[in-house]
C-alpha atoms as a PDB file:
ATOM      1  CA  MET A   1     102.445  59.175  53.981  1.00  0.00           C
ATOM      2  CA  TYR A   2     103.572  57.636  57.254  1.00  0.00           C
ATOM      3  CA  GLN A   3     106.191  60.360  57.604  1.00  0.00           C
ATOM      4  CA  GLU A   4     103.565  63.056  57.001  1.00  0.00           C
ATOM      5  CA  ILE A   5     101.360  61.639  59.789  1.00  0.00           C
ATOM      6  CA  ILE A   6     104.305  61.436  62.215  1.00  0.00           C
ATOM      7  CA  GLY A   7     105.422  64.952  61.258  1.00  0.00           C
ATOM      8  CA  SER A   8     101.892  66.280  61.759  1.00  0.00           C
ATOM      9  CA  CYS A   9     101.633  64.572  65.170  1.00  0.00           C
ATOM     10  CA  MET A  10     105.030  65.961  66.189  1.00  0.00           C
ATOM     11  CA  GLU A  11     103.915  69.458  65.215  1.00  0.00           C
ATOM     12  CA  LYS A  12     100.694  69.114  67.239  1.00  0.00           C
ATOM     13  CA  ARG A  13     102.623  67.736  70.193  1.00  0.00           C
ATOM     14  CA  THR A  14     105.161  70.570  70.015  1.00  0.00           C
ATOM     15  CA  ILE A  15     102.384  73.138  69.800  1.00  0.00           C
ATOM     16  CA  MET A  16     100.626  71.582  72.828  1.00  0.00           C
ATOM     17  CA  ILE A  17     103.852  71.626  74.858  1.00  0.00           C
ATOM     18  CA  LEU A  18     104.489  75.249  73.926  1.00  0.00           C
ATOM     19  CA  LEU A  19     100.914  76.184  74.873  1.00  0.00           C
ATOM     20  CA  LEU A  20     101.280  74.433  78.252  1.00  0.00           C
ATOM     21  CA  ILE A  21     104.543  76.267  78.882  1.00  0.00           C
ATOM     22  CA  LEU A  22     102.956  79.621  78.001  1.00  0.00           C
ATOM     23  CA  VAL A  23      99.911  79.002  80.212  1.00  0.00           C
ATOM     24  CA  SER A  24     102.140  77.870  83.094  1.00  0.00           C
ATOM     25  CA  ALA A  25     104.341  80.937  82.714  1.00  0.00           C
ATOM     26  CA  ALA A  26     101.286  83.217  82.659  1.00  0.00           C
ATOM     27  CA  LEU A  27      99.977  81.638  85.876  1.00  0.00           C
ATOM     28  CA  VAL A  28     103.333  82.042  87.608  1.00  0.00           C
ATOM     29  CA  VAL A  29     103.629  85.688  86.560  1.00  0.00           C
ATOM     30  CA  THR A  30     100.047  86.422  87.623  1.00  0.00           C
ATOM     31  CA  GLY A  31     100.585  84.776  91.003  1.00  0.00           C
ATOM     32  CA  CYS A  32     103.787  86.735  91.616  1.00  0.00           C
ATOM     33  CA  THR A  33     102.284  90.113  90.797  1.00  0.00           C
ATOM     34  CA  SER A  34      98.828  89.844  92.336  1.00  0.00           C
ATOM     35  CA  GLN A  35      97.913  92.530  94.852  1.00  0.00           C
ATOM     36  CA  THR A  36      95.651  92.408  97.877  1.00  0.00           C
ATOM     37  CA  SER A  37      92.839  94.902  98.246  1.00  0.00           C
ATOM     38  CA  GLY A  38      94.115  96.244 101.570  1.00  0.00           C
ATOM     39  CA  PRO A  39      97.201  96.465 103.720  1.00  0.00           C
ATOM     40  CA  VAL A  40      99.115  93.272 104.360  1.00  0.00           C
ATOM     41  CA  THR A  41      99.901  92.543 107.993  1.00  0.00           C
ATOM     42  CA  THR A  42     102.615  90.154 109.034  1.00  0.00           C
ATOM     43  CA  ILE A  43     102.486  88.548 112.444  1.00  0.00           C
ATOM     44  CA  SER A  44     105.671  87.607 114.210  1.00  0.00           C
ATOM     45  CA  ALA A  45     105.871  84.183 115.806  1.00  0.00           C
ATOM     46  CA  THR A  46     107.868  85.576 118.718  1.00  0.00           C
ATOM     47  CA  THR A  47     106.478  87.358 121.740  1.00  0.00           C
ATOM     48  CA  VAL A  48     107.681  90.904 122.283  1.00  0.00           C
ATOM     49  CA  SER A  49     107.114  92.818 125.506  1.00  0.00           C
ATOM     50  CA  THR A  50     104.854  95.838 125.145  1.00  0.00           C
ATOM     51  CA  PRO A  51     106.589  99.168 125.775  1.00  0.00           C
ATOM     52  CA  VAL A  52     104.973 101.683 128.116  1.00  0.00           C
ATOM     53  CA  ILE A  53     105.439 105.323 127.137  1.00  0.00           C
ATOM     54  CA  SER A  54     104.521 108.343 129.261  1.00  0.00           C
ATOM     55  CA  GLN A  55     103.498 111.713 127.890  1.00  0.00           C
ATOM     56  CA  THR A  56     102.664 114.761 130.042  1.00  0.00           C
ATOM     57  CA  SER A  57     101.304 118.221 129.483  1.00  0.00           C
ATOM     58  CA  GLY A  58     100.800 121.357 131.567  1.00  0.00           C
ATOM     59  CA  PRO A  59      97.425 122.938 132.349  1.00  0.00           C
ATOM     60  CA  VAL A  60      95.226 123.980 129.452  1.00  0.00           C
ATOM     61  CA  MET A  61      92.541 126.654 129.758  1.00  0.00           C
ATOM     62  CA  THR A  62      89.463 125.899 127.675  1.00  0.00           C
ATOM     63  CA  MET A  63      85.833 126.830 127.280  1.00  0.00           C
ATOM     64  CA  GLY A  64      83.050 124.266 127.131  1.00  0.00           C
ATOM     65  CA  THR A  65      79.306 123.847 127.263  1.00  0.00           C
ATOM     66  CA  PRO A  66      78.282 123.038 130.841  1.00  0.00           C
ATOM     67  CA  ASP A  67      76.472 119.760 131.365  1.00  0.00           C
ATOM     68  CA  ARG A  68      73.800 120.685 133.960  1.00  0.00           C
ATOM     69  CA  THR A  69      73.085 117.035 134.815  1.00  0.00           C
ATOM     70  CA  ALA A  70      76.736 116.383 135.676  1.00  0.00           C
ATOM     71  CA  MET A  71      77.133 119.288 138.111  1.00  0.00           C
ATOM     72  CA  THR A  72      75.834 117.446 141.192  1.00  0.00           C
ATOM     73  CA  GLY A  73      79.359 116.904 142.527  1.00  0.00           C
ATOM     74  CA  THR A  74      79.000 113.105 142.550  1.00  0.00           C
ATOM     75  CA  PRO A  75      80.484 111.316 139.559  1.00  0.00           C
ATOM     76  CA  THR A  76      78.102 108.786 138.092  1.00  0.00           C
ATOM     77  CA  THR A  77      78.819 106.508 135.194  1.00  0.00           C
ATOM     78  CA  PRO A  78      76.197 105.114 132.824  1.00  0.00           C
ATOM     79  CA  ALA A  79      76.809 101.856 130.971  1.00  0.00           C
ATOM     80  CA  GLY A  80      79.823 102.126 128.693  1.00  0.00           C
ATOM     81  CA  GLY A  81      81.365 104.927 130.742  1.00  0.00           C
ATOM     82  CA  SER A  82      84.349 105.361 133.006  1.00  0.00           C
ATOM     83  CA  THR A  83      84.700 107.465 136.115  1.00  0.00           C
ATOM     84  CA  ALA A  84      88.278 108.401 136.880  1.00  0.00           C
ATOM     85  CA  LEU A  85      89.777 106.761 139.938  1.00  0.00           C
ATOM     86  CA  PRO A  86      91.283 109.249 142.425  1.00  0.00           C
ATOM     87  CA  THR A  87      94.905 108.551 143.347  1.00  0.00           C
ATOM     88  CA  GLU A  88      97.012 109.624 146.339  1.00  0.00           C
ATOM     89  CA  ASP A  89      98.872 112.229 144.257  1.00  0.00           C
ATOM     90  CA  LYS A  90      95.623 114.061 143.463  1.00  0.00           C
ATOM     91  CA  GLY A  91      95.431 112.569 139.986  1.00  0.00           C
ATOM     92  CA  GLU A  92      92.495 110.863 138.314  1.00  0.00           C
ATOM     93  CA  ILE A  93      93.352 107.571 136.572  1.00  0.00           C
ATOM     94  CA  VAL A  94      91.379 106.807 133.424  1.00  0.00           C
ATOM     95  CA  ARG A  95      91.846 103.465 131.650  1.00  0.00           C
ATOM     96  CA  ILE A  96      90.946 103.255 127.960  1.00  0.00           C
ATOM     97  CA  LYS A  97      91.445 100.351 125.555  1.00  0.00           C
ATOM     98  CA  ALA A  98      91.235 100.405 121.783  1.00  0.00           C
ATOM     99  CA  LYS A  99      90.180  97.067 120.333  1.00  0.00           C
ATOM    100  CA  ASN A 100      88.578  96.264 116.976  1.00  0.00           C
ATOM    101  CA  PHE A 101      88.657  99.970 116.068  1.00  0.00           C
ATOM    102  CA  ALA A 102      86.537 100.974 119.082  1.00  0.00           C
ATOM    103  CA  PHE A 103      87.179 102.363 122.552  1.00  0.00           C
ATOM    104  CA  ASP A 104      85.964 100.248 125.478  1.00  0.00           C
ATOM    105  CA  VAL A 105      84.420 103.362 127.126  1.00  0.00           C
ATOM    106  CA  SER A 106      82.122 105.978 125.641  1.00  0.00           C
ATOM    107  CA  ARG A 107      82.055 108.394 128.593  1.00  0.00           C
ATOM    108  CA  ILE A 108      84.769 109.578 130.984  1.00  0.00           C
ATOM    109  CA  THR A 109      84.005 111.701 134.057  1.00  0.00           C
ATOM    110  CA  VAL A 110      86.620 113.702 135.999  1.00  0.00           C
ATOM    111  CA  PRO A 111      86.583 116.659 138.424  1.00  0.00           C
ATOM    112  CA  ALA A 112      87.394 120.155 137.138  1.00  0.00           C
ATOM    113  CA  LYS A 113      91.110 121.075 137.253  1.00  0.00           C
ATOM    114  CA  ALA A 114      92.021 117.468 138.100  1.00  0.00           C
ATOM    115  CA  ARG A 115      95.335 115.981 137.057  1.00  0.00           C
ATOM    116  CA  VAL A 116      94.158 113.340 134.559  1.00  0.00           C
ATOM    117  CA  ILE A 117      96.299 110.236 134.060  1.00  0.00           C
ATOM    118  CA  VAL A 118      95.122 108.304 131.005  1.00  0.00           C
ATOM    119  CA  GLU A 119      96.403 104.738 130.793  1.00  0.00           C
ATOM    120  CA  PHE A 120      95.774 103.961 127.132  1.00  0.00           C
ATOM    121  CA  GLU A 121      96.161 100.445 125.751  1.00  0.00           C
ATOM    122  CA  ASN A 122      96.016  99.841 122.002  1.00  0.00           C
ATOM    123  CA  GLU A 123      95.163  96.185 121.352  1.00  0.00           C
ATOM    124  CA  ASP A 124      94.856  96.664 117.578  1.00  0.00           C
ATOM    125  CA  ASP A 125      97.708  96.357 115.095  1.00  0.00           C
ATOM    126  CA  ALA A 126      96.632  99.757 113.749  1.00  0.00           C
ATOM    127  CA  PRO A 127      97.737 103.174 115.037  1.00  0.00           C
ATOM    128  CA  HIS A 128      95.460 104.901 117.591  1.00  0.00           C
ATOM    129  CA  ASN A 129      95.578 107.726 120.136  1.00  0.00           C
ATOM    130  CA  VAL A 130      93.233 109.511 122.525  1.00  0.00           C
ATOM    131  CA  ALA A 131      92.778 113.254 122.006  1.00  0.00           C
ATOM    132  CA  PHE A 132      90.508 115.551 124.032  1.00  0.00           C
ATOM    133  CA  TYR A 133      88.667 118.502 122.498  1.00  0.00           C
ATOM    134  CA  THR A 134      86.356 121.260 123.749  1.00  0.00           C
ATOM    135  CA  ASN A 135      83.617 120.588 121.173  1.00  0.00           C
ATOM    136  CA  PRO A 136      82.682 118.178 118.375  1.00  0.00           C
ATOM    137  CA  SER A 137      83.993 120.557 115.704  1.00  0.00           C
ATOM    138  CA  LEU A 138      87.483 120.083 117.208  1.00  0.00           C
ATOM    139  CA  THR A 139      88.266 123.809 117.098  1.00  0.00           C
ATOM    140  CA  ALA A 140      90.151 123.813 120.415  1.00  0.00           C
ATOM    141  CA  THR A 141      92.314 121.035 121.793  1.00  0.00           C
ATOM    142  CA  ILE A 142      92.404 120.201 125.493  1.00  0.00           C
ATOM    143  CA  TYR A 143      95.070 117.527 125.074  1.00  0.00           C
ATOM    144  CA  LYS A 144      96.323 115.462 122.133  1.00  0.00           C
ATOM    145  CA  GLY A 145      97.888 112.101 123.010  1.00  0.00           C
ATOM    146  CA  LYS A 146     100.711 110.610 120.992  1.00  0.00           C
ATOM    147  CA  ILE A 147      99.661 108.073 118.325  1.00  0.00           C
ATOM    148  CA  ILE A 148     100.918 104.539 118.999  1.00  0.00           C
ATOM    149  CA  THR A 149     100.724 101.396 116.904  1.00  0.00           C
ATOM    150  CA  GLY A 150      99.599  98.389 118.885  1.00  0.00           C
ATOM    151  CA  PRO A 151      99.731  96.264 120.580  1.00  0.00           C
ATOM    152  CA  GLY A 152     101.144  98.825 122.974  1.00  0.00           C
ATOM    153  CA  LYS A 153     100.514 101.015 126.014  1.00  0.00           C
ATOM    154  CA  ILE A 154     101.094 104.686 126.765  1.00  0.00           C
ATOM    155  CA  THR A 155     100.285 106.986 129.660  1.00  0.00           C
ATOM    156  CA  TYR A 156      99.058 110.537 129.004  1.00  0.00           C
ATOM    157  CA  VAL A 157      98.998 113.158 131.785  1.00  0.00           C
ATOM    158  CA  PHE A 158      97.222 116.510 131.546  1.00  0.00           C
ATOM    159  CA  THR A 159      95.027 118.887 133.565  1.00  0.00           C
ATOM    160  CA  ALA A 160      91.241 118.793 133.083  1.00  0.00           C
ATOM    161  CA  PRO A 161      89.504 122.051 132.157  1.00  0.00           C
ATOM    162  CA  ALA A 162      88.528 124.361 135.033  1.00  0.00           C
ATOM    163  CA  LEU A 163      85.022 124.878 133.657  1.00  0.00           C
ATOM    164  CA  PRO A 164      82.614 121.951 134.204  1.00  0.00           C
ATOM    165  CA  GLY A 165      80.942 120.748 131.045  1.00  0.00           C
ATOM    166  CA  THR A 166      80.702 118.091 128.388  1.00  0.00           C
ATOM    167  CA  TYR A 167      83.787 117.836 126.222  1.00  0.00           C
ATOM    168  CA  PHE A 168      84.841 115.184 123.718  1.00  0.00           C
ATOM    169  CA  PHE A 169      87.529 112.586 123.097  1.00  0.00           C
ATOM    170  CA  ARG A 170      88.387 110.618 119.982  1.00  0.00           C
ATOM    171  CA  CYS A 171      91.111 108.809 118.058  1.00  0.00           C
ATOM    172  CA  ASP A 172      92.607 111.275 115.589  1.00  0.00           C
ATOM    173  CA  VAL A 173      93.467 108.472 113.149  1.00  0.00           C
ATOM    174  CA  HIS A 174      89.977 106.927 113.278  1.00  0.00           C
ATOM    175  CA  PRO A 175      87.473 109.735 114.094  1.00  0.00           C
ATOM    176  CA  SER A 176      84.561 107.281 114.445  1.00  0.00           C
ATOM    177  CA  MET A 177      86.239 106.165 117.704  1.00  0.00           C
ATOM    178  CA  GLN A 178      84.868 108.801 120.078  1.00  0.00           C
ATOM    179  CA  GLY A 179      83.160 109.559 123.354  1.00  0.00           C
ATOM    180  CA  GLN A 180      82.189 112.215 125.916  1.00  0.00           C
ATOM    181  CA  PHE A 181      84.685 113.716 128.357  1.00  0.00           C
ATOM    182  CA  ILE A 182      82.616 115.100 131.235  1.00  0.00           C
ATOM    183  CA  VAL A 183      84.152 117.523 133.690  1.00  0.00           C
ATOM    184  CA  ILE A 184      82.197 118.039 136.932  1.00  0.00           C
END
């Protein structure tokens, strides 16, 4: 009888150990194969200098819808907008930042036929660009900037349309990032 009790206890103990091993193995396998719901981003502990890339384009002829309020000849900028800064080489410098999947300006104003120099800084880890179109349906492109993954900087150079009007800019990767490109 004593041997039967010891044998029964040994069987129960063996079964418990086997169950613990199986549960532990299942947890390890589950932990090794779990997936996140979105992309995984790794962050380097070292600091890397940000490259600056330049991209240029020749003149582009486009048609647009004139903005009657912007044809006064004096650039004005409402809140959230950017008026291009004239430079000595007859170019207009426009600075745009992408951060948290949004541009820091919603309106850019430049003179007609101006040489536009866009200094674009992408502060996100995601890819962004700045592209300029004649209308919201994006049927005609004024200029399409190269897509860069941030953090990074790039300079785009192109000629503004000859016809004053309200045009549009956006990020081609994230179309909700957009604004007005006003030519006066």
